[in-house]
Amino acid sequence: MKITDLQKQIENLPEKLRTSILAIIEIKTEIDMEKVLSKMDIQFKVIVGMMGIAFTLIGLLLTIYKFIG
């Protein structure tokens, strides 16, 4: 649902009901955003870990190459 459509629907509601519904929507949005941020944090940590392993391997391979070559 688009925000403009939601706004039109909510304008037709009584003030007390409108406030309650908007509070529920805000809570739901906040919970969903926390889930998204948590997933992004996990993905970022995985990428940083993989980069650390990659740089370690590159350093190790360069060191081995110096001694062999």
N, C-alpha and C. Protein backbone atom coordinates (compact mmCIF):
# COMPACT_ATOMS: atom_id res chain seq x y z
N MET A 1 0.84 -1.17 0.00
CA MET A 1 0.00 0.00 0.00
C MET A 1 0.89 1.24 0.00
N LYS A 2 0.56 2.20 -0.82
CA LYS A 2 1.32 3.44 -0.90
C LYS A 2 0.98 4.33 0.28
N ILE A 3 1.92 5.19 0.63
CA ILE A 3 1.72 6.08 1.77
C ILE A 3 0.58 7.05 1.51
N THR A 4 0.42 7.51 0.28
CA THR A 4 -0.67 8.44 -0.02
C THR A 4 -2.02 7.77 0.17
N ASP A 5 -2.13 6.50 -0.23
CA ASP A 5 -3.38 5.76 -0.02
C ASP A 5 -3.65 5.57 1.46
N LEU A 6 -2.61 5.26 2.20
CA LEU A 6 -2.74 5.08 3.64
C LEU A 6 -3.18 6.37 4.31
N GLN A 7 -2.62 7.49 3.86
CA GLN A 7 -2.98 8.78 4.43
C GLN A 7 -4.45 9.09 4.19
N LYS A 8 -4.95 8.81 3.00
CA LYS A 8 -6.36 9.06 2.70
C LYS A 8 -7.26 8.20 3.58
N GLN A 9 -6.87 6.94 3.78
CA GLN A 9 -7.67 6.04 4.62
C GLN A 9 -7.68 6.51 6.07
N ILE A 10 -6.53 6.94 6.56
CA ILE A 10 -6.41 7.34 7.97
C ILE A 10 -7.14 8.66 8.23
N GLU A 11 -7.16 9.56 7.26
CA GLU A 11 -7.85 10.84 7.45
C GLU A 11 -9.34 10.65 7.73
N ASN A 12 -9.91 9.57 7.26
CA ASN A 12 -11.34 9.32 7.46
C ASN A 12 -11.66 8.76 8.84
N LEU A 13 -10.65 8.39 9.60
CA LEU A 13 -10.86 7.79 10.92
C LEU A 13 -10.97 8.86 12.00
N PRO A 14 -11.65 8.53 13.10
CA PRO A 14 -11.69 9.46 14.25
C PRO A 14 -10.28 9.64 14.82
N GLU A 15 -10.05 10.78 15.46
CA GLU A 15 -8.72 11.15 15.95
C GLU A 15 -8.14 10.11 16.89
N LYS A 16 -8.92 9.62 17.84
CA LYS A 16 -8.42 8.66 18.82
C LYS A 16 -8.00 7.36 18.15
N LEU A 17 -8.81 6.88 17.23
CA LEU A 17 -8.51 5.65 16.50
C LEU A 17 -7.30 5.86 15.58
N ARG A 18 -7.23 7.02 14.98
CA ARG A 18 -6.12 7.34 14.08
C ARG A 18 -4.78 7.30 14.82
N THR A 19 -4.76 7.89 16.01
CA THR A 19 -3.54 7.91 16.81
C THR A 19 -3.11 6.50 17.19
N SER A 20 -4.07 5.67 17.57
CA SER A 20 -3.76 4.29 17.95
C SER A 20 -3.21 3.50 16.77
N ILE A 21 -3.84 3.63 15.64
CA ILE A 21 -3.40 2.89 14.45
C ILE A 21 -2.01 3.34 14.02
N LEU A 22 -1.76 4.64 14.04
CA LEU A 22 -0.43 5.13 13.67
C LEU A 22 0.63 4.66 14.65
N ALA A 23 0.28 4.54 15.93
CA ALA A 23 1.24 4.03 16.91
C ALA A 23 1.57 2.57 16.62
N ILE A 24 0.57 1.78 16.27
CA ILE A 24 0.79 0.37 15.93
C ILE A 24 1.66 0.25 14.68
N ILE A 25 1.38 1.07 13.68
CA ILE A 25 2.19 1.05 12.45
C ILE A 25 3.63 1.43 12.76
N GLU A 26 3.82 2.42 13.62
CA GLU A 26 5.17 2.86 13.97
C GLU A 26 5.94 1.75 14.70
N ILE A 27 5.27 1.06 15.62
CA ILE A 27 5.91 -0.04 16.34
C ILE A 27 6.30 -1.15 15.38
N LYS A 28 5.39 -1.51 14.47
CA LYS A 28 5.65 -2.57 13.50
C LYS A 28 6.83 -2.19 12.60
N THR A 29 6.86 -0.96 12.15
CA THR A 29 7.95 -0.49 11.30
C THR A 29 9.27 -0.53 12.04
N GLU A 30 9.26 -0.13 13.30
CA GLU A 30 10.48 -0.15 14.11
C GLU A 30 11.00 -1.57 14.29
N ILE A 31 10.11 -2.51 14.55
CA ILE A 31 10.51 -3.91 14.73
C ILE A 31 11.09 -4.46 13.42
N ASP A 32 10.42 -4.17 12.31
CA ASP A 32 10.92 -4.64 11.01
C ASP A 32 12.28 -4.04 10.70
N MET A 33 12.48 -2.77 11.02
CA MET A 33 13.76 -2.11 10.76
C MET A 33 14.86 -2.73 11.60
N GLU A 34 14.55 -3.10 12.85
CA GLU A 34 15.55 -3.75 13.70
C GLU A 34 15.97 -5.09 13.10
N LYS A 35 15.02 -5.83 12.52
CA LYS A 35 15.34 -7.11 11.88
C LYS A 35 16.25 -6.88 10.67
N VAL A 36 15.94 -5.88 9.87
CA VAL A 36 16.74 -5.58 8.68
C VAL A 36 18.16 -5.18 9.08
N LEU A 37 18.27 -4.32 10.09
CA LEU A 37 19.59 -3.88 10.54
C LEU A 37 20.39 -5.04 11.12
N SER A 38 19.72 -5.96 11.79
CA SER A 38 20.40 -7.13 12.34
C SER A 38 20.97 -8.00 11.22
N LYS A 39 20.17 -8.22 10.18
CA LYS A 39 20.65 -9.02 9.05
C LYS A 39 21.82 -8.34 8.34
N MET A 40 21.72 -7.01 8.19
CA MET A 40 22.81 -6.29 7.54
C MET A 40 24.08 -6.35 8.38
N ASP A 41 23.94 -6.29 9.70
CA ASP A 41 25.09 -6.38 10.59
C ASP A 41 25.77 -7.74 10.46
N ILE A 42 24.98 -8.80 10.39
CA ILE A 42 25.54 -10.15 10.23
C ILE A 42 26.28 -10.26 8.90
N GLN A 43 25.67 -9.76 7.83
CA GLN A 43 26.32 -9.82 6.52
C GLN A 43 27.62 -9.02 6.51
N PHE A 44 27.63 -7.86 7.16
CA PHE A 44 28.83 -7.05 7.23
C PHE A 44 29.94 -7.78 7.97
N LYS A 45 29.60 -8.44 9.07
CA LYS A 45 30.60 -9.18 9.84
C LYS A 45 31.17 -10.34 9.03
N VAL A 46 30.32 -11.00 8.24
CA VAL A 46 30.79 -12.10 7.40
C VAL A 46 31.76 -11.58 6.34
N ILE A 47 31.41 -10.46 5.72
CA ILE A 47 32.29 -9.88 4.69
C ILE A 47 33.62 -9.46 5.28
N VAL A 48 33.60 -8.83 6.45
CA VAL A 48 34.84 -8.42 7.10
C VAL A 48 35.69 -9.63 7.45
N GLY A 49 35.07 -10.69 7.93
CA GLY A 49 35.80 -11.92 8.24
C GLY A 49 36.43 -12.54 7.01
N MET A 50 35.68 -12.57 5.91
CA MET A 50 36.21 -13.13 4.67
C MET A 50 37.37 -12.29 4.14
N MET A 51 37.26 -10.97 4.27
CA MET A 51 38.36 -10.11 3.83
C MET A 51 39.60 -10.35 4.69
N GLY A 52 39.42 -10.54 5.97
CA GLY A 52 40.55 -10.83 6.85
C GLY A 52 41.25 -12.11 6.47
N ILE A 53 40.47 -13.14 6.17
CA ILE A 53 41.05 -14.41 5.74
C ILE A 53 41.77 -14.24 4.41
N ALA A 54 41.16 -13.49 3.48
CA ALA A 54 41.78 -13.29 2.17
C ALA A 54 43.11 -12.55 2.29
N PHE A 55 43.15 -11.50 3.09
CA PHE A 55 44.41 -10.76 3.26
C PHE A 55 45.47 -11.60 3.94
N THR A 56 45.06 -12.43 4.89
CA THR A 56 46.01 -13.32 5.55
C THR A 56 46.59 -14.31 4.55
N LEU A 57 45.74 -14.89 3.71
CA LEU A 57 46.22 -15.83 2.70
C LEU A 57 47.14 -15.15 1.69
N ILE A 58 46.80 -13.95 1.28
CA ILE A 58 47.66 -13.22 0.34
C ILE A 58 49.02 -12.97 0.96
N GLY A 59 49.04 -12.54 2.21
CA GLY A 59 50.32 -12.31 2.89
C GLY A 59 51.12 -13.58 3.01
N LEU A 60 50.46 -14.67 3.34
CA LEU A 60 51.13 -15.96 3.47
C LEU A 60 51.70 -16.42 2.14
N LEU A 61 50.91 -16.30 1.08
CA LEU A 61 51.38 -16.70 -0.25
C LEU A 61 52.54 -15.84 -0.73
N LEU A 62 52.50 -14.55 -0.46
CA LEU A 62 53.62 -13.68 -0.85
C LEU A 62 54.89 -14.04 -0.09
N THR A 63 54.75 -14.37 1.19
CA THR A 63 55.91 -14.77 1.98
C THR A 63 56.50 -16.07 1.45
N ILE A 64 55.65 -17.03 1.15
CA ILE A 64 56.12 -18.31 0.60
C ILE A 64 56.79 -18.08 -0.75
N TYR A 65 56.21 -17.22 -1.57
CA TYR A 65 56.78 -16.92 -2.89
C TYR A 65 58.17 -16.29 -2.77
N LYS A 66 58.36 -15.42 -1.77
CA LYS A 66 59.68 -14.80 -1.57
C LYS A 66 60.73 -15.84 -1.22
N PHE A 67 60.38 -16.79 -0.37
CA PHE A 67 61.36 -17.80 0.03
C PHE A 67 61.62 -18.82 -1.07
N ILE A 68 60.62 -19.16 -1.86
CA ILE A 68 60.79 -20.14 -2.92
C ILE A 68 61.41 -19.49 -4.15
N GLY A 69 60.92 -18.32 -4.51
CA GLY A 69 61.33 -17.66 -5.76
C GLY A 69 62.57 -16.92 -5.60
